[in-house]
Structure formats: structure tokens, C-alpha cells
């Protein structure tokens, strides 16, 4: 059992709270994520105190004080270390595209909603907030392992999607913006949601098949996570 806060391995694990050290691994503090990582063969190490929660080949027993230090959180009995998720661009029929989102909390909630409503793929612009940020992980449930996730140049990728038969709808206002309810569900669809402050980039709106909005009463705008949930519910798989 490791009891020293100065242990080399402990110090290395603590560094995973910082983006610059997450080159090939990230910390898992949520039980559902740890179990999902184990099931999907992404779990690299199990760090625990007290009773071993489940059998695993690479385990590290530590004191409660050390576990609290690594997790930067008190009261947990085990945490995990995961490999980074593999980028996958073999998209399914329902895709959500995120353009320059900066709040990892929003990204996590969108990932959870995507899994809930049958969206199978998530494309992020290269300047979105990091998906391994702890705020994202705390809200994505198992979405980080269940979704097909990749980072792309969105201008190029939207054109590729259209060539492959996807109907691409961007959220926002233009001269011919449609109400969401006027957009006919199709077999292969992708929806672009934009930056919390500036929305979807105009170039992406111009090359999309349409721009659309959510009809609202007594409010001018929605949080992007809430807007994404409404759209994914409306155009959910199997609807």
C-alpha cells in the first residue's frame, strides 16, 4: 500500500488534472465512467483504498489520504486511469457537430443527451474545449466511450458529410432560417451547434443545407446544451 504523498507514481497521477500532462491518459472519478472504461477496454489502472471494488489486472492500493490527494476530492474509495479514446469517423445516421464550444460542462451534457436520444456520433472543431476536462467527464455519463468522437476541420467535414448524403442543419439566424418543426426528418442528419457567445460560424451556416431555430416564448436564447437536447429529442433516432 502506498501511504506517502511524495511517492513518484502518486505525483504522476496528480498531474493528470492538468491538460498538458494528459498525453495518453486521463483520470476517471465517476463510478459509471470507470465501469464503462473497463467494459470498453480503456481502463489502464484502478487506484483504490480499502476493499478492492472489482478484479482488475493493474491495481494500486493507496491510503485514503493519498486517494483524496490524487482525486483532489474527498470520500471516494476508488478511481481509474483511462487511455484516451480512439478517434472514430465511421459515423452513424445521427451526428451532432460542435463549433468552438468553450464550456466543457456544455460538451458533457450534450454527450449525455446524444447517447440518450440515439445520436451515435460527435464531431468537434479542433478549438472546442477538451473532452477530458473533469467538468465534461462529470456530466457526460458513459457518452465518452459510447459515442463515435472525432475532431475535424468543420468546413471540410460538412462538405464531406453532404457528399455522403447527410442533411446538415446549422442552428442560427439567416435570411431563410426555418423553424425546427419545418425541417423534415431524414435518414442521415447532422446538426451544428455553435459557440456559447457567437453561435455557429457564418461559413458553416452558408454551406449547410439549412439554418434552423427553436421556436421560443418570452426568451431570446437558450443555453447550447439545452438547445442541443431539444434538437436531438426532436430528431432522435427511430422517431
C-alpha atoms as a PDB file:
ATOM      1  CA  UNK A   1       0.000   0.000   0.000  1.00  0.00           C
ATOM      2  CA  UNK A   2       1.228   3.498  -0.846  1.00  0.00           C
ATOM      3  CA  UNK A   3       0.874   5.930   2.032  1.00  0.00           C
ATOM      4  CA  UNK A   4       3.294   8.695   1.020  1.00  0.00           C
ATOM      5  CA  UNK A   5       2.063  11.805  -0.771  1.00  0.00           C
ATOM      6  CA  UNK A   6       5.597  12.180  -2.126  1.00  0.00           C
ATOM      7  CA  UNK A   7       5.539   8.858  -3.969  1.00  0.00           C
ATOM      8  CA  UNK A   8       6.593   9.232  -7.617  1.00  0.00           C
ATOM      9  CA  UNK A   9       3.548   7.411  -9.008  1.00  0.00           C
ATOM     10  CA  UNK A  10       1.220   9.497  -6.848  1.00  0.00           C
ATOM     11  CA  UNK A  11       2.765  12.694  -8.161  1.00  0.00           C
ATOM     12  CA  UNK A  12       2.420  11.495 -11.762  1.00  0.00           C
ATOM     13  CA  UNK A  13      -1.257  10.658 -11.240  1.00  0.00           C
ATOM     14  CA  UNK A  14      -1.911  14.056  -9.660  1.00  0.00           C
ATOM     15  CA  UNK A  15      -0.534  15.734 -12.790  1.00  0.00           C
ATOM     16  CA  UNK A  16      -3.363  14.242 -14.853  1.00  0.00           C
ATOM     17  CA  UNK A  17      -5.598  17.021 -13.545  1.00  0.00           C
ATOM     18  CA  UNK A  18      -3.698  19.322 -15.916  1.00  0.00           C
ATOM     19  CA  UNK A  19      -4.334  19.214 -19.662  1.00  0.00           C
ATOM     20  CA  UNK A  20      -0.643  19.397 -20.621  1.00  0.00           C
ATOM     21  CA  UNK A  21       0.045  16.081 -18.878  1.00  0.00           C
ATOM     22  CA  UNK A  22      -2.869  14.181 -20.426  1.00  0.00           C
ATOM     23  CA  UNK A  23      -0.854  12.969 -23.386  1.00  0.00           C
ATOM     24  CA  UNK A  24      -2.114   9.383 -23.275  1.00  0.00           C
ATOM     25  CA  UNK A  25      -4.193   9.076 -20.092  1.00  0.00           C
ATOM     26  CA  UNK A  26      -6.843  10.844 -18.037  1.00  0.00           C
ATOM     27  CA  UNK A  27      -8.406  10.388 -14.614  1.00  0.00           C
ATOM     28  CA  UNK A  28     -11.832   8.878 -14.010  1.00  0.00           C
ATOM     29  CA  UNK A  29     -13.594   9.905 -10.814  1.00  0.00           C
ATOM     30  CA  UNK A  30     -17.133   8.780 -11.660  1.00  0.00           C
ATOM     31  CA  UNK A  31     -18.135   5.169 -10.993  1.00  0.00           C
ATOM     32  CA  UNK A  32     -20.167   4.830 -14.196  1.00  0.00           C
ATOM     33  CA  UNK A  33     -17.211   6.025 -16.271  1.00  0.00           C
ATOM     34  CA  UNK A  34     -14.814   3.624 -14.568  1.00  0.00           C
ATOM     35  CA  UNK A  35     -17.109   0.680 -15.256  1.00  0.00           C
ATOM     36  CA  UNK A  36     -17.663   1.814 -18.854  1.00  0.00           C
ATOM     37  CA  UNK A  37     -13.901   2.159 -19.363  1.00  0.00           C
ATOM     38  CA  UNK A  38     -13.399  -1.367 -18.032  1.00  0.00           C
ATOM     39  CA  UNK A  39     -16.106  -2.768 -20.315  1.00  0.00           C
ATOM     40  CA  UNK A  40     -14.694  -0.985 -23.385  1.00  0.00           C
ATOM     41  CA  UNK A  41     -11.100  -1.964 -22.503  1.00  0.00           C
ATOM     42  CA  UNK A  42      -9.954   1.612 -21.954  1.00  0.00           C
ATOM     43  CA  UNK A  43      -9.193   1.247 -18.253  1.00  0.00           C
ATOM     44  CA  UNK A  44      -5.441   1.244 -17.636  1.00  0.00           C
ATOM     45  CA  UNK A  45      -5.200   1.310 -13.855  1.00  0.00           C
ATOM     46  CA  UNK A  46      -7.502   1.041 -10.861  1.00  0.00           C
ATOM     47  CA  UNK A  47      -6.474   3.026  -7.770  1.00  0.00           C
ATOM     48  CA  UNK A  48      -8.311   2.082  -4.581  1.00  0.00           C
ATOM     49  CA  UNK A  49      -8.331   2.174  -0.807  1.00  0.00           C
ATOM     50  CA  UNK A  50      -9.934  -0.365   1.492  1.00  0.00           C
ATOM     51  CA  UNK A  51     -11.666  -3.227  -0.309  1.00  0.00           C
ATOM     52  CA  UNK A  52     -10.918  -3.886  -3.982  1.00  0.00           C
ATOM     53  CA  UNK A  53     -14.158  -2.957  -5.840  1.00  0.00           C
ATOM     54  CA  UNK A  54     -13.674  -5.483  -8.650  1.00  0.00           C
ATOM     55  CA  UNK A  55     -10.962  -7.680 -10.101  1.00  0.00           C
ATOM     56  CA  UNK A  56      -8.565  -5.938 -12.451  1.00  0.00           C
ATOM     57  CA  UNK A  57      -5.080  -6.739 -13.677  1.00  0.00           C
ATOM     58  CA  UNK A  58      -3.409  -3.405 -12.870  1.00  0.00           C
ATOM     59  CA  UNK A  59      -4.360  -2.122  -9.427  1.00  0.00           C
ATOM     60  CA  UNK A  60      -2.733   0.275  -6.981  1.00  0.00           C
ATOM     61  CA  UNK A  61      -3.698   0.207  -3.310  1.00  0.00           C
ATOM     62  CA  UNK A  62      -3.242   3.524  -1.505  1.00  0.00           C
ATOM     63  CA  UNK A  63      -4.270   5.136   1.756  1.00  0.00           C
ATOM     64  CA  UNK A  64      -7.393   7.292   1.930  1.00  0.00           C
ATOM     65  CA  UNK A  65      -5.215  10.377   2.273  1.00  0.00           C
ATOM     66  CA  UNK A  66      -3.328   9.507  -0.906  1.00  0.00           C
ATOM     67  CA  UNK A  67      -6.530   8.734  -2.830  1.00  0.00           C
ATOM     68  CA  UNK A  68      -8.014  12.067  -1.748  1.00  0.00           C
ATOM     69  CA  UNK A  69      -4.851  13.782  -2.976  1.00  0.00           C
ATOM     70  CA  UNK A  70      -4.893  12.086  -6.380  1.00  0.00           C
ATOM     71  CA  UNK A  71      -8.619  12.657  -6.892  1.00  0.00           C
ATOM     72  CA  UNK A  72      -8.478  16.199  -5.470  1.00  0.00           C
ATOM     73  CA  UNK A  73     -11.730  15.166  -3.858  1.00  0.00           C
ATOM     74  CA  UNK A  74     -12.633  13.535  -0.562  1.00  0.00           C
ATOM     75  CA  UNK A  75     -14.673  10.431   0.154  1.00  0.00           C
ATOM     76  CA  UNK A  76     -14.009   8.287  -2.930  1.00  0.00           C
ATOM     77  CA  UNK A  77     -12.963   4.674  -2.444  1.00  0.00           C
ATOM     78  CA  UNK A  78     -11.562   4.141  -5.932  1.00  0.00           C
ATOM     79  CA  UNK A  79     -10.718   5.999  -9.127  1.00  0.00           C
ATOM     80  CA  UNK A  80      -9.495   4.950 -12.562  1.00  0.00           C
ATOM     81  CA  UNK A  81      -6.923   5.902 -15.152  1.00  0.00           C
ATOM     82  CA  UNK A  82      -8.138   5.618 -18.749  1.00  0.00           C
ATOM     83  CA  UNK A  83      -6.473   5.600 -22.128  1.00  0.00           C
ATOM     84  CA  UNK A  84      -7.542   8.423 -24.418  1.00  0.00           C
ATOM     85  CA  UNK A  85     -10.499   7.443 -26.581  1.00  0.00           C
ATOM     86  CA  UNK A  86      -9.788   6.469 -30.160  1.00  0.00           C
ATOM     87  CA  UNK A  87     -10.955   8.962 -32.771  1.00  0.00           C
ATOM     88  CA  UNK A  88     -13.672   7.417 -34.950  1.00  0.00           C
ATOM     89  CA  UNK A  89     -15.126   8.936 -38.112  1.00  0.00           C
ATOM     90  CA  UNK A  90     -17.234   5.972 -39.251  1.00  0.00           C
ATOM     91  CA  UNK A  91     -20.359   7.955 -38.460  1.00  0.00           C
ATOM     92  CA  UNK A  92     -23.832   6.594 -37.952  1.00  0.00           C
ATOM     93  CA  UNK A  93     -27.045   8.243 -39.110  1.00  0.00           C
ATOM     94  CA  UNK A  94     -27.302  10.914 -36.398  1.00  0.00           C
ATOM     95  CA  UNK A  95     -24.458  13.351 -35.805  1.00  0.00           C
ATOM     96  CA  UNK A  96     -24.077  16.381 -33.567  1.00  0.00           C
ATOM     97  CA  UNK A  97     -21.375  18.866 -34.578  1.00  0.00           C
ATOM     98  CA  UNK A  98     -19.920  21.349 -32.077  1.00  0.00           C
ATOM     99  CA  UNK A  99     -18.325  24.541 -33.347  1.00  0.00           C
ATOM    100  CA  UNK A 100     -15.903  26.237 -30.917  1.00  0.00           C
ATOM    101  CA  UNK A 101     -17.750  25.396 -27.699  1.00  0.00           C
ATOM    102  CA  UNK A 102     -15.688  26.626 -24.752  1.00  0.00           C
ATOM    103  CA  UNK A 103     -17.585  25.347 -21.722  1.00  0.00           C
ATOM    104  CA  UNK A 104     -16.701  21.694 -21.012  1.00  0.00           C
ATOM    105  CA  UNK A 105     -19.859  21.421 -18.914  1.00  0.00           C
ATOM    106  CA  UNK A 106     -21.947  22.048 -22.035  1.00  0.00           C
ATOM    107  CA  UNK A 107     -19.989  19.478 -24.021  1.00  0.00           C
ATOM    108  CA  UNK A 108     -20.505  16.868 -21.314  1.00  0.00           C
ATOM    109  CA  UNK A 109     -24.249  17.480 -21.189  1.00  0.00           C
ATOM    110  CA  UNK A 110     -24.502  17.294 -24.973  1.00  0.00           C
ATOM    111  CA  UNK A 111     -22.636  13.975 -24.942  1.00  0.00           C
ATOM    112  CA  UNK A 112     -25.072  12.598 -22.375  1.00  0.00           C
ATOM    113  CA  UNK A 113     -28.093  13.791 -24.376  1.00  0.00           C
ATOM    114  CA  UNK A 114     -26.652  12.359 -27.591  1.00  0.00           C
ATOM    115  CA  UNK A 115     -26.408   8.934 -26.020  1.00  0.00           C
ATOM    116  CA  UNK A 116     -29.876   9.256 -24.505  1.00  0.00           C
ATOM    117  CA  UNK A 117     -31.591  10.227 -27.778  1.00  0.00           C
ATOM    118  CA  UNK A 118     -29.815   7.832 -30.135  1.00  0.00           C
ATOM    119  CA  UNK A 119     -27.244  10.149 -31.685  1.00  0.00           C
ATOM    120  CA  UNK A 120     -24.205   7.988 -32.309  1.00  0.00           C
ATOM    121  CA  UNK A 121     -21.536  10.445 -33.473  1.00  0.00           C
ATOM    122  CA  UNK A 122     -19.943  13.642 -32.173  1.00  0.00           C
ATOM    123  CA  UNK A 123     -17.722  15.890 -34.282  1.00  0.00           C
ATOM    124  CA  UNK A 124     -15.886  18.729 -32.545  1.00  0.00           C
ATOM    125  CA  UNK A 125     -13.964  21.598 -34.054  1.00  0.00           C
ATOM    126  CA  UNK A 126     -10.302  21.497 -33.107  1.00  0.00           C
ATOM    127  CA  UNK A 127     -10.715  24.574 -30.913  1.00  0.00           C
ATOM    128  CA  UNK A 128     -13.501  23.197 -28.718  1.00  0.00           C
ATOM    129  CA  UNK A 129     -12.877  22.729 -25.001  1.00  0.00           C
ATOM    130  CA  UNK A 130     -11.172  19.465 -24.117  1.00  0.00           C
ATOM    131  CA  UNK A 131     -13.415  16.420 -23.682  1.00  0.00           C
ATOM    132  CA  UNK A 132     -11.138  15.113 -20.888  1.00  0.00           C
ATOM    133  CA  UNK A 133     -11.789  18.154 -18.724  1.00  0.00           C
ATOM    134  CA  UNK A 134     -13.243  16.995 -15.400  1.00  0.00           C
ATOM    135  CA  UNK A 135     -16.392  19.134 -15.825  1.00  0.00           C
ATOM    136  CA  UNK A 136     -17.091  17.408 -19.121  1.00  0.00           C
ATOM    137  CA  UNK A 137     -16.422  13.953 -17.712  1.00  0.00           C
ATOM    138  CA  UNK A 138     -18.638  14.564 -14.677  1.00  0.00           C
ATOM    139  CA  UNK A 139     -21.625  15.241 -16.959  1.00  0.00           C
ATOM    140  CA  UNK A 140     -21.149  13.008 -19.997  1.00  0.00           C
ATOM    141  CA  UNK A 141     -22.090   9.746 -18.206  1.00  0.00           C
ATOM    142  CA  UNK A 142     -20.689   6.946 -20.397  1.00  0.00           C
ATOM    143  CA  UNK A 143     -21.014   9.014 -23.558  1.00  0.00           C
ATOM    144  CA  UNK A 144     -17.272   9.457 -23.971  1.00  0.00           C
ATOM    145  CA  UNK A 145     -16.973   5.704 -24.559  1.00  0.00           C
ATOM    146  CA  UNK A 146     -20.294   5.072 -26.311  1.00  0.00           C
ATOM    147  CA  UNK A 147     -20.162   7.816 -28.955  1.00  0.00           C
ATOM    148  CA  UNK A 148     -18.036   7.906 -32.080  1.00  0.00           C
ATOM    149  CA  UNK A 149     -15.976  11.015 -31.396  1.00  0.00           C
ATOM    150  CA  UNK A 150     -13.545  12.933 -33.585  1.00  0.00           C
ATOM    151  CA  UNK A 151     -12.033  16.390 -34.042  1.00  0.00           C
ATOM    152  CA  UNK A 152     -12.134  17.840 -37.545  1.00  0.00           C
ATOM    153  CA  UNK A 153     -11.839  20.946 -39.670  1.00  0.00           C
ATOM    154  CA  UNK A 154     -15.580  21.574 -39.765  1.00  0.00           C
ATOM    155  CA  UNK A 155     -15.712  23.385 -43.108  1.00  0.00           C
ATOM    156  CA  UNK A 156     -14.142  20.398 -44.837  1.00  0.00           C
ATOM    157  CA  UNK A 157     -16.099  17.846 -42.861  1.00  0.00           C
ATOM    158  CA  UNK A 158     -19.516  19.392 -43.507  1.00  0.00           C
ATOM    159  CA  UNK A 159     -18.858  19.228 -47.254  1.00  0.00           C
ATOM    160  CA  UNK A 160     -17.801  15.577 -46.914  1.00  0.00           C
ATOM    161  CA  UNK A 161     -20.963  14.787 -44.989  1.00  0.00           C
ATOM    162  CA  UNK A 162     -23.129  16.365 -47.662  1.00  0.00           C
ATOM    163  CA  UNK A 163     -21.309  14.351 -50.329  1.00  0.00           C
ATOM    164  CA  UNK A 164     -22.135  11.222 -48.315  1.00  0.00           C
ATOM    165  CA  UNK A 165     -25.830  12.050 -48.285  1.00  0.00           C
ATOM    166  CA  UNK A 166     -26.213  13.708 -44.897  1.00  0.00           C
ATOM    167  CA  UNK A 167     -28.664  16.560 -44.480  1.00  0.00           C
ATOM    168  CA  UNK A 168     -26.771  19.192 -42.487  1.00  0.00           C
ATOM    169  CA  UNK A 169     -28.689  21.766 -40.437  1.00  0.00           C
ATOM    170  CA  UNK A 170     -26.955  24.621 -38.626  1.00  0.00           C
ATOM    171  CA  UNK A 171     -28.582  26.407 -35.702  1.00  0.00           C
ATOM    172  CA  UNK A 172     -28.768  30.169 -36.075  1.00  0.00           C
ATOM    173  CA  UNK A 173     -30.438  33.006 -37.907  1.00  0.00           C
ATOM    174  CA  UNK A 174     -30.134  33.803 -41.627  1.00  0.00           C
ATOM    175  CA  UNK A 175     -32.374  35.225 -44.328  1.00  0.00           C
ATOM    176  CA  UNK A 176     -34.098  31.863 -44.819  1.00  0.00           C
ATOM    177  CA  UNK A 177     -33.933  30.299 -41.343  1.00  0.00           C
ATOM    178  CA  UNK A 178     -36.541  27.597 -40.770  1.00  0.00           C
ATOM    179  CA  UNK A 179     -38.419  26.790 -37.641  1.00  0.00           C
ATOM    180  CA  UNK A 180     -37.117  23.456 -36.347  1.00  0.00           C
ATOM    181  CA  UNK A 181     -40.549  21.902 -36.858  1.00  0.00           C
ATOM    182  CA  UNK A 182     -40.381  22.732 -40.589  1.00  0.00           C
ATOM    183  CA  UNK A 183     -37.273  20.583 -41.066  1.00  0.00           C
ATOM    184  CA  UNK A 184     -38.268  17.137 -42.294  1.00  0.00           C
ATOM    185  CA  UNK A 185     -36.528  14.214 -40.543  1.00  0.00           C
ATOM    186  CA  UNK A 186     -34.290  12.285 -42.923  1.00  0.00           C
ATOM    187  CA  UNK A 187     -32.351   9.051 -42.666  1.00  0.00           C
ATOM    188  CA  UNK A 188     -28.923  10.692 -42.323  1.00  0.00           C
ATOM    189  CA  UNK A 189     -28.754  14.017 -40.495  1.00  0.00           C
ATOM    190  CA  UNK A 190     -26.158  16.224 -38.813  1.00  0.00           C
ATOM    191  CA  UNK A 191     -26.801  19.288 -36.655  1.00  0.00           C
ATOM    192  CA  UNK A 192     -24.299  22.078 -35.975  1.00  0.00           C
ATOM    193  CA  UNK A 193     -24.346  23.953 -32.672  1.00  0.00           C
ATOM    194  CA  UNK A 194     -22.110  26.937 -32.128  1.00  0.00           C
ATOM    195  CA  UNK A 195     -20.010  28.826 -29.651  1.00  0.00           C
ATOM    196  CA  UNK A 196     -21.809  29.986 -26.495  1.00  0.00           C
ATOM    197  CA  UNK A 197     -21.320  33.668 -27.373  1.00  0.00           C
ATOM    198  CA  UNK A 198     -21.064  33.942 -31.151  1.00  0.00           C
ATOM    199  CA  UNK A 199     -23.003  30.924 -32.392  1.00  0.00           C
ATOM    200  CA  UNK A 200     -22.219  28.888 -35.488  1.00  0.00           C
ATOM    201  CA  UNK A 201     -19.546  30.303 -37.812  1.00  0.00           C
ATOM    202  CA  UNK A 202     -21.144  32.049 -40.811  1.00  0.00           C
ATOM    203  CA  UNK A 203     -19.156  29.970 -43.291  1.00  0.00           C
ATOM    204  CA  UNK A 204     -20.612  26.785 -41.809  1.00  0.00           C
ATOM    205  CA  UNK A 205     -24.098  28.247 -41.983  1.00  0.00           C
ATOM    206  CA  UNK A 206     -23.601  29.096 -45.661  1.00  0.00           C
ATOM    207  CA  UNK A 207     -22.523  25.573 -46.656  1.00  0.00           C
ATOM    208  CA  UNK A 208     -25.183  23.793 -44.567  1.00  0.00           C
ATOM    209  CA  UNK A 209     -28.393  22.579 -46.185  1.00  0.00           C
ATOM    210  CA  UNK A 210     -30.394  24.889 -43.949  1.00  0.00           C
ATOM    211  CA  UNK A 211     -30.285  27.053 -40.865  1.00  0.00           C
ATOM    212  CA  UNK A 212     -32.923  26.465 -38.235  1.00  0.00           C
ATOM    213  CA  UNK A 213     -34.118  27.841 -34.937  1.00  0.00           C
ATOM    214  CA  UNK A 214     -36.129  26.637 -31.974  1.00  0.00           C
ATOM    215  CA  UNK A 215     -39.410  28.466 -31.500  1.00  0.00           C
ATOM    216  CA  UNK A 216     -39.375  30.088 -28.039  1.00  0.00           C
ATOM    217  CA  UNK A 217     -41.636  32.228 -25.924  1.00  0.00           C
ATOM    218  CA  UNK A 218     -40.512  35.039 -23.593  1.00  0.00           C
ATOM    219  CA  UNK A 219     -36.817  34.302 -24.029  1.00  0.00           C
ATOM    220  CA  UNK A 220     -34.223  35.341 -26.605  1.00  0.00           C
ATOM    221  CA  UNK A 221     -31.731  32.487 -26.388  1.00  0.00           C
ATOM    222  CA  UNK A 222     -31.132  29.062 -24.881  1.00  0.00           C
ATOM    223  CA  UNK A 223     -28.076  27.517 -23.309  1.00  0.00           C
ATOM    224  CA  UNK A 224     -26.379  25.486 -26.045  1.00  0.00           C
ATOM    225  CA  UNK A 225     -26.657  22.303 -24.013  1.00  0.00           C
ATOM    226  CA  UNK A 226     -30.405  22.742 -23.630  1.00  0.00           C
ATOM    227  CA  UNK A 227     -30.813  23.645 -27.306  1.00  0.00           C
ATOM    228  CA  UNK A 228     -28.870  20.554 -28.323  1.00  0.00           C
ATOM    229  CA  UNK A 229     -31.064  18.348 -26.130  1.00  0.00           C
ATOM    230  CA  UNK A 230     -34.261  19.746 -27.677  1.00  0.00           C
ATOM    231  CA  UNK A 231     -32.955  19.224 -31.204  1.00  0.00           C
ATOM    232  CA  UNK A 232     -31.690  15.705 -30.530  1.00  0.00           C
ATOM    233  CA  UNK A 233     -35.001  14.757 -28.949  1.00  0.00           C
ATOM    234  CA  UNK A 234     -36.962  16.167 -31.905  1.00  0.00           C
ATOM    235  CA  UNK A 235     -34.782  14.316 -34.439  1.00  0.00           C
ATOM    236  CA  UNK A 236     -33.966  11.276 -32.314  1.00  0.00           C
ATOM    237  CA  UNK A 237     -33.098   8.009 -33.949  1.00  0.00           C
ATOM    238  CA  UNK A 238     -36.125   5.891 -34.736  1.00  0.00           C
ATOM    239  CA  UNK A 239     -38.562   8.791 -34.470  1.00  0.00           C
END
